[in-house]
PDB file of all heavy atoms in Angstrom:
ATOM      1  N   VAL A   1     128.319 113.655  30.639  1.00  0.00           N
ATOM      2  CA  VAL A   1     128.776 114.976  31.169  1.00  0.00           C
ATOM      3  C   VAL A   1     129.447 114.751  32.478  1.00  0.00           C
ATOM      4  O   VAL A   1     130.579 115.347  32.681  1.00  0.00           O
ATOM      5  CB  VAL A   1     127.530 115.906  31.422  1.00  0.00           C
ATOM      6  CG1 VAL A   1     127.927 117.192  32.116  1.00  0.00           C
ATOM      7  CG2 VAL A   1     126.870 116.325  30.139  1.00  0.00           C
ATOM      8  N   GLU A   2     128.961 113.814  33.215  1.00  0.00           N
ATOM      9  CA  GLU A   2     129.637 113.667  34.508  1.00  0.00           C
ATOM     10  C   GLU A   2     131.071 113.074  34.365  1.00  0.00           C
ATOM     11  O   GLU A   2     132.064 113.404  35.166  1.00  0.00           O
ATOM     12  CB  GLU A   2     128.727 112.662  35.352  1.00  0.00           C
ATOM     13  CG  GLU A   2     129.163 112.513  36.827  1.00  0.00           C
ATOM     14  CD  GLU A   2     128.170 111.661  37.566  1.00  0.00           C
ATOM     15  OE1 GLU A   2     127.732 110.633  37.054  1.00  0.00           O
ATOM     16  OE2 GLU A   2     127.735 112.107  38.706  1.00  0.00           O
ATOM     17  N   ARG A   3     131.139 112.263  33.380  1.00  0.00           N
ATOM     18  CA  ARG A   3     132.561 111.555  33.189  1.00  0.00           C
ATOM     19  C   ARG A   3     133.482 112.500  32.226  1.00  0.00           C
ATOM     20  O   ARG A   3     134.508 112.085  31.813  1.00  0.00           O
ATOM     21  CB  ARG A   3     132.377 110.216  32.520  1.00  0.00           C
ATOM     22  CG  ARG A   3     131.733 109.198  33.416  1.00  0.00           C
ATOM     23  CD  ARG A   3     131.794 107.865  32.737  1.00  0.00           C
ATOM     24  NE  ARG A   3     131.169 106.824  33.699  1.00  0.00           N
ATOM     25  CZ  ARG A   3     131.315 105.525  33.488  1.00  0.00           C
ATOM     26  NH1 ARG A   3     131.928 105.091  32.426  1.00  0.00           N
ATOM     27  NH2 ARG A   3     130.848 104.609  34.439  1.00  0.00           N
ATOM     28  N   LYS A   4     132.974 113.662  31.821  1.00  0.00           N
ATOM     29  CA  LYS A   4     133.855 114.579  31.108  1.00  0.00           C
ATOM     30  C   LYS A   4     133.979 114.153  29.666  1.00  0.00           C
ATOM     31  O   LYS A   4     134.970 114.623  29.037  1.00  0.00           O
ATOM     32  CB  LYS A   4     135.100 115.018  31.765  1.00  0.00           C
ATOM     33  CG  LYS A   4     134.819 115.611  33.223  1.00  0.00           C
ATOM     34  CD  LYS A   4     136.218 115.993  33.744  1.00  0.00           C
ATOM     35  CE  LYS A   4     136.007 116.510  35.238  1.00  0.00           C
ATOM     36  NZ  LYS A   4     137.199 116.873  35.845  1.00  0.00           N
ATOM     37  N   LYS A   5     133.028 113.221  29.139  1.00  0.00           N
ATOM     38  CA  LYS A   5     133.162 112.867  27.749  1.00  0.00           C
ATOM     39  C   LYS A   5     132.645 113.931  26.956  1.00  0.00           C
ATOM     40  O   LYS A   5     133.085 114.204  25.833  1.00  0.00           O
ATOM     41  CB  LYS A   5     132.327 111.583  27.517  1.00  0.00           C
ATOM     42  CG  LYS A   5     132.421 111.135  26.036  1.00  0.00           C
ATOM     43  CD  LYS A   5     131.512 109.810  25.956  1.00  0.00           C
ATOM     44  CE  LYS A   5     131.577 109.377  24.541  1.00  0.00           C
ATOM     45  NZ  LYS A   5     130.860 108.012  24.304  1.00  0.00           N
ATOM     46  N   ILE A   6     131.576 114.713  27.430  1.00  0.00           N
ATOM     47  CA  ILE A   6     131.082 115.846  26.678  1.00  0.00           C
ATOM     48  C   ILE A   6     130.922 116.992  27.670  1.00  0.00           C
ATOM     49  O   ILE A   6     130.937 116.990  28.872  1.00  0.00           O
ATOM     50  CB  ILE A   6     129.616 115.564  26.107  1.00  0.00           C
ATOM     51  CG1 ILE A   6     128.635 115.236  27.246  1.00  0.00           C
ATOM     52  CG2 ILE A   6     129.553 114.531  25.066  1.00  0.00           C
ATOM     53  CD1 ILE A   6     127.158 115.055  26.787  1.00  0.00           C
ATOM     54  N   ASP A   7     130.972 118.276  27.068  1.00  0.00           N
ATOM     55  CA  ASP A   7     130.951 119.504  27.977  1.00  0.00           C
ATOM     56  C   ASP A   7     129.597 120.107  27.923  1.00  0.00           C
ATOM     57  O   ASP A   7     129.268 120.825  28.912  1.00  0.00           O
ATOM     58  CB  ASP A   7     132.072 120.439  27.286  1.00  0.00           C
ATOM     59  CG  ASP A   7     133.398 119.780  27.376  1.00  0.00           C
ATOM     60  OD1 ASP A   7     133.871 119.381  28.370  1.00  0.00           O
ATOM     61  OD2 ASP A   7     134.027 119.858  26.211  1.00  0.00           O
ATOM     62  N   ILE A   8     128.851 119.963  26.859  1.00  0.00           N
ATOM     63  CA  ILE A   8     127.506 120.368  26.800  1.00  0.00           C
ATOM     64  C   ILE A   8     126.590 119.224  26.297  1.00  0.00           C
ATOM     65  O   ILE A   8     126.964 118.429  25.407  1.00  0.00           O
ATOM     66  CB  ILE A   8     127.325 121.546  25.767  1.00  0.00           C
ATOM     67  CG1 ILE A   8     128.107 122.789  26.235  1.00  0.00           C
ATOM     68  CG2 ILE A   8     125.797 121.912  25.672  1.00  0.00           C
ATOM     69  CD1 ILE A   8     128.059 123.773  25.246  1.00  0.00           C
ATOM     70  N   GLY A   9     125.405 119.046  26.896  1.00  0.00           N
ATOM     71  CA  GLY A   9     124.571 117.927  26.476  1.00  0.00           C
ATOM     72  C   GLY A   9     123.102 118.549  26.283  1.00  0.00           C
ATOM     73  O   GLY A   9     122.699 119.345  27.036  1.00  0.00           O
ATOM     74  N   LEU A  10     122.379 118.005  25.233  1.00  0.00           N
ATOM     75  CA  LEU A  10     120.996 118.306  25.082  1.00  0.00           C
ATOM     76  C   LEU A  10     120.189 117.102  25.264  1.00  0.00           C
ATOM     77  O   LEU A  10     120.369 116.143  24.690  1.00  0.00           O
ATOM     78  CB  LEU A  10     120.783 118.937  23.708  1.00  0.00           C
ATOM     79  CG  LEU A  10     121.597 120.123  23.241  1.00  0.00           C
ATOM     80  CD1 LEU A  10     121.204 120.572  21.927  1.00  0.00           C
ATOM     81  CD2 LEU A  10     121.347 121.283  24.225  1.00  0.00           C
ATOM     82  N   SER A  11     119.353 117.129  26.346  1.00  0.00           N
ATOM     83  CA  SER A  11     118.634 115.957  26.704  1.00  0.00           C
ATOM     84  C   SER A  11     117.158 116.251  26.910  1.00  0.00           C
ATOM     85  O   SER A  11     116.768 117.396  27.204  1.00  0.00           O
ATOM     86  CB  SER A  11     119.214 115.426  28.027  1.00  0.00           C
ATOM     87  OG  SER A  11     118.379 114.345  28.586  1.00  0.00           O
ATOM     88  N   THR A  12     116.313 115.274  26.719  1.00  0.00           N
ATOM     89  CA  THR A  12     114.867 115.419  27.010  1.00  0.00           C
ATOM     90  C   THR A  12     114.486 114.936  28.309  1.00  0.00           C
ATOM     91  O   THR A  12     113.291 114.959  28.639  1.00  0.00           O
ATOM     92  CB  THR A  12     114.013 114.666  25.871  1.00  0.00           C
ATOM     93  OG1 THR A  12     114.410 113.263  26.013  1.00  0.00           O
ATOM     94  CG2 THR A  12     114.277 115.153  24.513  1.00  0.00           C
ATOM     95  N   ILE A  13     115.495 114.601  29.160  1.00  0.00           N
ATOM     96  CA  ILE A  13     115.205 114.087  30.547  1.00  0.00           C
ATOM     97  C   ILE A  13     115.726 115.065  31.466  1.00  0.00           C
ATOM     98  O   ILE A  13     116.862 115.533  31.385  1.00  0.00           O
ATOM     99  CB  ILE A  13     115.834 112.732  30.759  1.00  0.00           C
ATOM    100  CG1 ILE A  13     115.239 111.666  29.959  1.00  0.00           C
ATOM    101  CG2 ILE A  13     115.763 112.279  32.259  1.00  0.00           C
ATOM    102  CD1 ILE A  13     115.817 110.296  29.908  1.00  0.00           C
ATOM    103  N   GLN A  14     114.991 115.454  32.414  1.00  0.00           N
ATOM    104  CA  GLN A  14     115.320 116.409  33.533  1.00  0.00           C
ATOM    105  C   GLN A  14     115.705 115.554  34.745  1.00  0.00           C
ATOM    106  O   GLN A  14     114.821 114.904  35.366  1.00  0.00           O
ATOM    107  CB  GLN A  14     114.331 117.403  33.835  1.00  0.00           C
ATOM    108  CG  GLN A  14     114.716 118.485  34.959  1.00  0.00           C
ATOM    109  CD  GLN A  14     113.779 119.544  35.157  1.00  0.00           C
ATOM    110  OE1 GLN A  14     112.511 119.267  34.910  1.00  0.00           O
ATOM    111  NE2 GLN A  14     114.194 120.730  35.549  1.00  0.00           N
ATOM    112  N   ALA A  15     116.906 115.600  35.296  1.00  0.00           N
ATOM    113  CA  ALA A  15     117.304 114.767  36.433  1.00  0.00           C
ATOM    114  C   ALA A  15     118.235 115.667  37.333  1.00  0.00           C
ATOM    115  O   ALA A  15     118.623 116.708  36.874  1.00  0.00           O
ATOM    116  CB  ALA A  15     118.071 113.495  36.003  1.00  0.00           C
ATOM    117  N   ALA A  16     118.501 115.202  38.470  1.00  0.00           N
ATOM    118  CA  ALA A  16     119.289 115.968  39.388  1.00  0.00           C
ATOM    119  C   ALA A  16     120.627 115.217  39.621  1.00  0.00           C
ATOM    120  O   ALA A  16     120.698 114.075  40.142  1.00  0.00           O
ATOM    121  CB  ALA A  16     118.547 116.098  40.759  1.00  0.00           C
ATOM    122  N   TYR A  17     121.683 115.877  39.280  1.00  0.00           N
ATOM    123  CA  TYR A  17     123.062 115.351  39.518  1.00  0.00           C
ATOM    124  C   TYR A  17     123.859 116.466  40.165  1.00  0.00           C
ATOM    125  O   TYR A  17     123.829 117.635  39.737  1.00  0.00           O
ATOM    126  CB  TYR A  17     123.818 114.966  38.185  1.00  0.00           C
ATOM    127  CG  TYR A  17     123.401 113.690  37.607  1.00  0.00           C
ATOM    128  CD1 TYR A  17     122.158 113.350  37.089  1.00  0.00           C
ATOM    129  CD2 TYR A  17     124.380 112.653  37.511  1.00  0.00           C
ATOM    130  CE1 TYR A  17     121.838 112.115  36.623  1.00  0.00           C
ATOM    131  CE2 TYR A  17     124.079 111.404  37.052  1.00  0.00           C
ATOM    132  CZ  TYR A  17     122.744 111.186  36.643  1.00  0.00           C
ATOM    133  OH  TYR A  17     122.515 109.922  36.010  1.00  0.00           O
ATOM    134  N   PRO A  18     124.519 116.151  41.308  1.00  0.00           N
ATOM    135  CA  PRO A  18     125.331 117.136  42.057  1.00  0.00           C
ATOM    136  C   PRO A  18     126.218 118.137  41.250  1.00  0.00           C
ATOM    137  O   PRO A  18     126.268 119.304  41.406  1.00  0.00           O
ATOM    138  CB  PRO A  18     126.054 116.366  43.166  1.00  0.00           C
ATOM    139  CG  PRO A  18     125.292 115.140  43.190  1.00  0.00           C
ATOM    140  CD  PRO A  18     124.729 114.859  41.909  1.00  0.00           C
ATOM    141  N   GLY A  19     126.987 117.429  40.336  1.00  0.00           N
ATOM    142  CA  GLY A  19     127.876 118.210  39.559  1.00  0.00           C
ATOM    143  C   GLY A  19     127.430 118.749  38.197  1.00  0.00           C
ATOM    144  O   GLY A  19     128.332 119.312  37.567  1.00  0.00           O
ATOM    145  N   ILE A  20     126.165 118.581  37.917  1.00  0.00           N
ATOM    146  CA  ILE A  20     125.698 119.081  36.591  1.00  0.00           C
ATOM    147  C   ILE A  20     124.695 120.152  36.705  1.00  0.00           C
ATOM    148  O   ILE A  20     123.678 120.067  37.570  1.00  0.00           O
ATOM    149  CB  ILE A  20     125.119 117.856  35.829  1.00  0.00           C
ATOM    150  CG1 ILE A  20     126.070 116.811  35.725  1.00  0.00           C
ATOM    151  CG2 ILE A  20     124.495 118.311  34.475  1.00  0.00           C
ATOM    152  CD1 ILE A  20     125.668 115.539  34.952  1.00  0.00           C
ATOM    153  N   LYS A  21     124.747 121.217  35.957  1.00  0.00           N
ATOM    154  CA  LYS A  21     123.900 122.216  35.941  1.00  0.00           C
ATOM    155  C   LYS A  21     122.772 121.930  34.808  1.00  0.00           C
ATOM    156  O   LYS A  21     123.143 121.666  33.605  1.00  0.00           O
ATOM    157  CB  LYS A  21     124.531 123.577  35.586  1.00  0.00           C
ATOM    158  CG  LYS A  21     123.622 124.739  35.622  1.00  0.00           C
ATOM    159  CD  LYS A  21     124.364 126.003  35.408  1.00  0.00           C
ATOM    160  CE  LYS A  21     123.541 127.264  35.285  1.00  0.00           C
ATOM    161  NZ  LYS A  21     124.324 128.527  34.986  1.00  0.00           N
ATOM    162  N   VAL A  22     121.561 121.887  35.200  1.00  0.00           N
ATOM    163  CA  VAL A  22     120.448 121.522  34.293  1.00  0.00           C
ATOM    164  C   VAL A  22     119.593 122.673  34.045  1.00  0.00           C
ATOM    165  O   VAL A  22     118.908 123.239  35.103  1.00  0.00           O
ATOM    166  CB  VAL A  22     119.672 120.314  34.784  1.00  0.00           C
ATOM    167  CG1 VAL A  22     118.482 119.932  33.779  1.00  0.00           C
ATOM    168  CG2 VAL A  22     120.590 119.109  35.071  1.00  0.00           C
ATOM    169  N   GLU A  23     119.345 123.093  32.804  1.00  0.00           N
ATOM    170  CA  GLU A  23     118.541 124.320  32.494  1.00  0.00           C
ATOM    171  C   GLU A  23     117.580 123.958  31.383  1.00  0.00           C
ATOM    172  O   GLU A  23     117.869 123.361  30.422  1.00  0.00           O
ATOM    173  CB  GLU A  23     119.421 125.496  31.995  1.00  0.00           C
ATOM    174  CG  GLU A  23     120.577 125.904  32.993  1.00  0.00           C
ATOM    175  CD  GLU A  23     121.347 126.899  32.331  1.00  0.00           C
ATOM    176  OE1 GLU A  23     121.037 128.061  32.233  1.00  0.00           O
ATOM    177  OE2 GLU A  23     122.519 126.484  31.820  1.00  0.00           O
ATOM    178  N   PRO A  24     116.245 124.334  31.639  1.00  0.00           N
ATOM    179  CA  PRO A  24     115.262 124.310  30.569  1.00  0.00           C
ATOM    180  C   PRO A  24     115.850 124.991  29.276  1.00  0.00           C
ATOM    181  O   PRO A  24     116.191 126.218  29.436  1.00  0.00           O
ATOM    182  CB  PRO A  24     114.029 124.800  31.015  1.00  0.00           C
ATOM    183  CG  PRO A  24     114.241 124.727  32.556  1.00  0.00           C
ATOM    184  CD  PRO A  24     115.631 124.985  32.769  1.00  0.00           C
ATOM    185  N   TYR A  25     115.778 124.453  28.103  1.00  0.00           N
ATOM    186  CA  TYR A  25     116.389 125.185  26.958  1.00  0.00           C
ATOM    187  C   TYR A  25     115.330 125.606  26.031  1.00  0.00           C
ATOM    188  O   TYR A  25     115.253 126.733  25.555  1.00  0.00           O
ATOM    189  CB  TYR A  25     117.434 124.195  26.336  1.00  0.00           C
ATOM    190  CG  TYR A  25     118.655 124.988  25.758  1.00  0.00           C
ATOM    191  CD1 TYR A  25     119.064 126.087  26.351  1.00  0.00           C
ATOM    192  CD2 TYR A  25     119.290 124.379  24.709  1.00  0.00           C
ATOM    193  CE1 TYR A  25     120.087 126.934  25.699  1.00  0.00           C
ATOM    194  CE2 TYR A  25     120.393 125.145  24.283  1.00  0.00           C
ATOM    195  CZ  TYR A  25     120.876 126.342  24.816  1.00  0.00           C
ATOM    196  OH  TYR A  25     121.868 126.950  24.217  1.00  0.00           O
ATOM    197  N   PHE A  26     114.651 124.573  25.489  1.00  0.00           N
ATOM    198  CA  PHE A  26     113.385 124.969  24.586  1.00  0.00           C
ATOM    199  C   PHE A  26     112.391 123.820  24.641  1.00  0.00           C
ATOM    200  O   PHE A  26     112.672 122.819  25.131  1.00  0.00           O
ATOM    201  CB  PHE A  26     113.934 125.129  23.159  1.00  0.00           C
ATOM    202  CG  PHE A  26     114.640 124.099  22.530  1.00  0.00           C
ATOM    203  CD1 PHE A  26     113.965 123.026  21.960  1.00  0.00           C
ATOM    204  CD2 PHE A  26     116.037 124.016  22.546  1.00  0.00           C
ATOM    205  CE1 PHE A  26     114.637 121.957  21.339  1.00  0.00           C
ATOM    206  CE2 PHE A  26     116.685 122.915  22.015  1.00  0.00           C
ATOM    207  CZ  PHE A  26     115.989 122.013  21.362  1.00  0.00           C
ATOM    208  N   SER A  27     111.273 124.210  24.176  1.00  0.00           N
ATOM    209  CA  SER A  27     110.094 123.218  24.072  1.00  0.00           C
ATOM    210  C   SER A  27     109.594 123.069  22.582  1.00  0.00           C
ATOM    211  O   SER A  27     109.353 124.029  21.958  1.00  0.00           O
ATOM    212  CB  SER A  27     109.035 123.787  25.006  1.00  0.00           C
ATOM    213  OG  SER A  27     107.903 122.873  24.964  1.00  0.00           O
ATOM    214  N   ASP A  28     109.621 121.878  22.176  1.00  0.00           N
ATOM    215  CA  ASP A  28     109.302 121.508  20.788  1.00  0.00           C
ATOM    216  C   ASP A  28     107.886 120.968  20.610  1.00  0.00           C
ATOM    217  O   ASP A  28     107.552 119.870  21.149  1.00  0.00           O
ATOM    218  CB  ASP A  28     110.299 120.550  20.285  1.00  0.00           C
ATOM    219  CG  ASP A  28     110.663 120.709  18.809  1.00  0.00           C
ATOM    220  OD1 ASP A  28     109.832 121.476  18.148  1.00  0.00           O
ATOM    221  OD2 ASP A  28     111.619 120.240  18.240  1.00  0.00           O
ATOM    222  N   PRO A  29     106.921 121.613  19.889  1.00  0.00           N
ATOM    223  CA  PRO A  29     105.611 120.924  19.722  1.00  0.00           C
ATOM    224  C   PRO A  29     105.853 119.736  18.842  1.00  0.00           C
ATOM    225  O   PRO A  29     106.696 119.713  18.049  1.00  0.00           O
ATOM    226  CB  PRO A  29     104.888 122.158  18.948  1.00  0.00           C
ATOM    227  CG  PRO A  29     105.634 123.396  19.167  1.00  0.00           C
ATOM    228  CD  PRO A  29     107.131 122.985  19.411  1.00  0.00           C
ATOM    229  N   MET A  30     104.858 118.867  19.042  1.00  0.00           N
ATOM    230  CA  MET A  30     104.795 117.625  18.299  1.00  0.00           C
ATOM    231  C   MET A  30     103.757 117.687  17.149  1.00  0.00           C
ATOM    232  O   MET A  30     102.633 118.261  17.523  1.00  0.00           O
ATOM    233  CB  MET A  30     104.607 116.407  19.189  1.00  0.00           C
ATOM    234  CG  MET A  30     105.530 116.236  20.246  1.00  0.00           C
ATOM    235  SD  MET A  30     107.177 115.873  19.658  1.00  0.00           S
ATOM    236  CE  MET A  30     106.967 114.076  19.334  1.00  0.00           C
ATOM    237  N   VAL A  31     104.079 117.312  16.004  1.00  0.00           N
ATOM    238  CA  VAL A  31     103.166 117.504  14.825  1.00  0.00           C
ATOM    239  C   VAL A  31     103.147 116.175  14.080  1.00  0.00           C
ATOM    240  O   VAL A  31     104.037 115.251  14.320  1.00  0.00           O
ATOM    241  CB  VAL A  31     103.636 118.592  13.849  1.00  0.00           C
ATOM    242  CG1 VAL A  31     103.619 119.953  14.598  1.00  0.00           C
ATOM    243  CG2 VAL A  31     105.014 118.370  13.315  1.00  0.00           C
ATOM    244  N   GLY A  32     102.106 116.012  13.281  1.00  0.00           N
ATOM    245  CA  GLY A  32     101.998 114.778  12.441  1.00  0.00           C
ATOM    246  C   GLY A  32     102.655 115.086  11.126  1.00  0.00           C
ATOM    247  O   GLY A  32     102.852 116.268  10.711  1.00  0.00           O
ATOM    248  N   ALA A  33     103.067 113.999  10.350  1.00  0.00           N
ATOM    249  CA  ALA A  33     103.609 114.111   9.043  1.00  0.00           C
ATOM    250  C   ALA A  33     103.137 112.999   8.131  1.00  0.00           C
ATOM    251  O   ALA A  33     102.871 111.854   8.647  1.00  0.00           O
ATOM    252  CB  ALA A  33     105.157 114.057   9.135  1.00  0.00           C
ATOM    253  N   CYS A  34     103.001 113.254   6.910  1.00  0.00           N
ATOM    254  CA  CYS A  34     102.492 112.221   5.926  1.00  0.00           C
ATOM    255  C   CYS A  34     103.078 112.705   4.598  1.00  0.00           C
ATOM    256  O   CYS A  34     103.725 113.756   4.281  1.00  0.00           O
ATOM    257  CB  CYS A  34     100.978 112.290   5.858  1.00  0.00           C
ATOM    258  SG  CYS A  34     100.210 113.791   5.351  1.00  0.00           S
ATOM    259  N   ARG A  35     102.849 111.837   3.580  1.00  0.00           N
ATOM    260  CA  ARG A  35     103.192 112.102   2.250  1.00  0.00           C
ATOM    261  C   ARG A  35     102.355 113.226   1.657  1.00  0.00           C
ATOM    262  O   ARG A  35     101.090 113.358   2.145  1.00  0.00           O
ATOM    263  CB  ARG A  35     102.997 110.896   1.322  1.00  0.00           C
ATOM    264  CG  ARG A  35     104.098 109.887   1.607  1.00  0.00           C
ATOM    265  CD  ARG A  35     103.729 108.382   1.105  1.00  0.00           C
ATOM    266  NE  ARG A  35     103.626 108.456  -0.331  1.00  0.00           N
ATOM    267  CZ  ARG A  35     104.572 108.089  -1.167  1.00  0.00           C
ATOM    268  NH1 ARG A  35     105.734 107.641  -0.743  1.00  0.00           N
ATOM    269  NH2 ARG A  35     104.408 108.082  -2.502  1.00  0.00           N
ATOM    270  N   ARG A  36     102.808 114.059   0.733  1.00  0.00           N
ATOM    271  CA  ARG A  36     102.072 115.103   0.063  1.00  0.00           C
ATOM    272  C   ARG A  36     100.744 114.580  -0.536  1.00  0.00           C
ATOM    273  O   ARG A  36      99.759 115.279  -0.740  1.00  0.00           O
ATOM    274  CB  ARG A  36     102.910 116.019  -0.814  1.00  0.00           C
ATOM    275  CG  ARG A  36     102.175 117.267  -1.368  1.00  0.00           C
ATOM    276  CD  ARG A  36     103.124 118.143  -1.965  1.00  0.00           C
ATOM    277  NE  ARG A  36     104.070 118.853  -1.006  1.00  0.00           N
ATOM    278  CZ  ARG A  36     103.574 119.822  -0.277  1.00  0.00           C
ATOM    279  NH1 ARG A  36     102.512 120.292  -0.412  1.00  0.00           N
ATOM    280  NH2 ARG A  36     104.442 120.371   0.657  1.00  0.00           N
ATOM    281  N   THR A  37     100.800 113.398  -1.033  1.00  0.00           N
ATOM    282  CA  THR A  37      99.695 112.801  -1.816  1.00  0.00           C
ATOM    283  C   THR A  37      98.627 112.122  -0.801  1.00  0.00           C
ATOM    284  O   THR A  37      97.670 111.506  -1.268  1.00  0.00           O
ATOM    285  CB  THR A  37     100.146 111.760  -2.754  1.00  0.00           C
ATOM    286  OG1 THR A  37     101.175 110.883  -2.149  1.00  0.00           O
ATOM    287  CG2 THR A  37     100.947 112.482  -3.987  1.00  0.00           C
ATOM    288  N   SER A  38      98.903 112.036   0.433  1.00  0.00           N
ATOM    289  CA  SER A  38      97.980 111.507   1.494  1.00  0.00           C
ATOM    290  C   SER A  38      96.787 112.338   1.629  1.00  0.00           C
ATOM    291  O   SER A  38      96.688 113.609   1.421  1.00  0.00           O
ATOM    292  CB  SER A  38      98.758 111.386   2.807  1.00  0.00           C
ATOM    293  OG  SER A  38      97.807 111.103   3.879  1.00  0.00           O
ATOM    294  N   PRO A  39      95.594 111.665   1.973  1.00  0.00           N
ATOM    295  CA  PRO A  39      94.311 112.488   2.248  1.00  0.00           C
ATOM    296  C   PRO A  39      94.578 113.440   3.398  1.00  0.00           C
ATOM    297  O   PRO A  39      93.855 114.429   3.518  1.00  0.00           O
ATOM    298  CB  PRO A  39      93.270 111.369   2.513  1.00  0.00           C
ATOM    299  CG  PRO A  39      93.868 110.095   1.823  1.00  0.00           C
ATOM    300  CD  PRO A  39      95.389 110.212   1.921  1.00  0.00           C
ATOM    301  N   LEU A  40      95.487 113.132   4.267  1.00  0.00           N
ATOM    302  CA  LEU A  40      95.690 113.941   5.442  1.00  0.00           C
ATOM    303  C   LEU A  40      96.434 115.309   5.140  1.00  0.00           C
ATOM    304  O   LEU A  40      96.298 116.300   5.825  1.00  0.00           O
ATOM    305  CB  LEU A  40      96.535 113.205   6.518  1.00  0.00           C
ATOM    306  CG  LEU A  40      96.005 111.843   7.082  1.00  0.00           C
ATOM    307  CD1 LEU A  40      97.035 111.257   7.937  1.00  0.00           C
ATOM    308  CD2 LEU A  40      94.726 112.195   7.814  1.00  0.00           C
ATOM    309  N   ALA A  41      97.080 115.331   3.932  1.00  0.00           N
ATOM    310  CA  ALA A  41      97.875 116.457   3.551  1.00  0.00           C
ATOM    311  C   ALA A  41      97.247 117.750   3.390  1.00  0.00           C
ATOM    312  O   ALA A  41      97.809 118.810   3.640  1.00  0.00           O
ATOM    313  CB  ALA A  41      98.790 116.155   2.297  1.00  0.00           C
ATOM    314  N   SER A  42      95.930 117.664   2.953  1.00  0.00           N
ATOM    315  CA  SER A  42      95.228 118.914   2.727  1.00  0.00           C
ATOM    316  C   SER A  42      94.592 119.595   4.107  1.00  0.00           C
ATOM    317  O   SER A  42      93.955 120.592   4.002  1.00  0.00           O
ATOM    318  CB  SER A  42      94.123 118.684   1.688  1.00  0.00           C
ATOM    319  OG  SER A  42      93.216 117.772   2.286  1.00  0.00           O
TER     320      SER A  42
END
């Protein structure tokens, strides 16, 4: 963003840069995943 390679960036890191506006955008819960035939699936 600082070097003007991109105009909008989506990052999971919050940092302070003088020329960059940083806004909380959304929060994603973390879940587990497995095969449908796994004992965990039910």
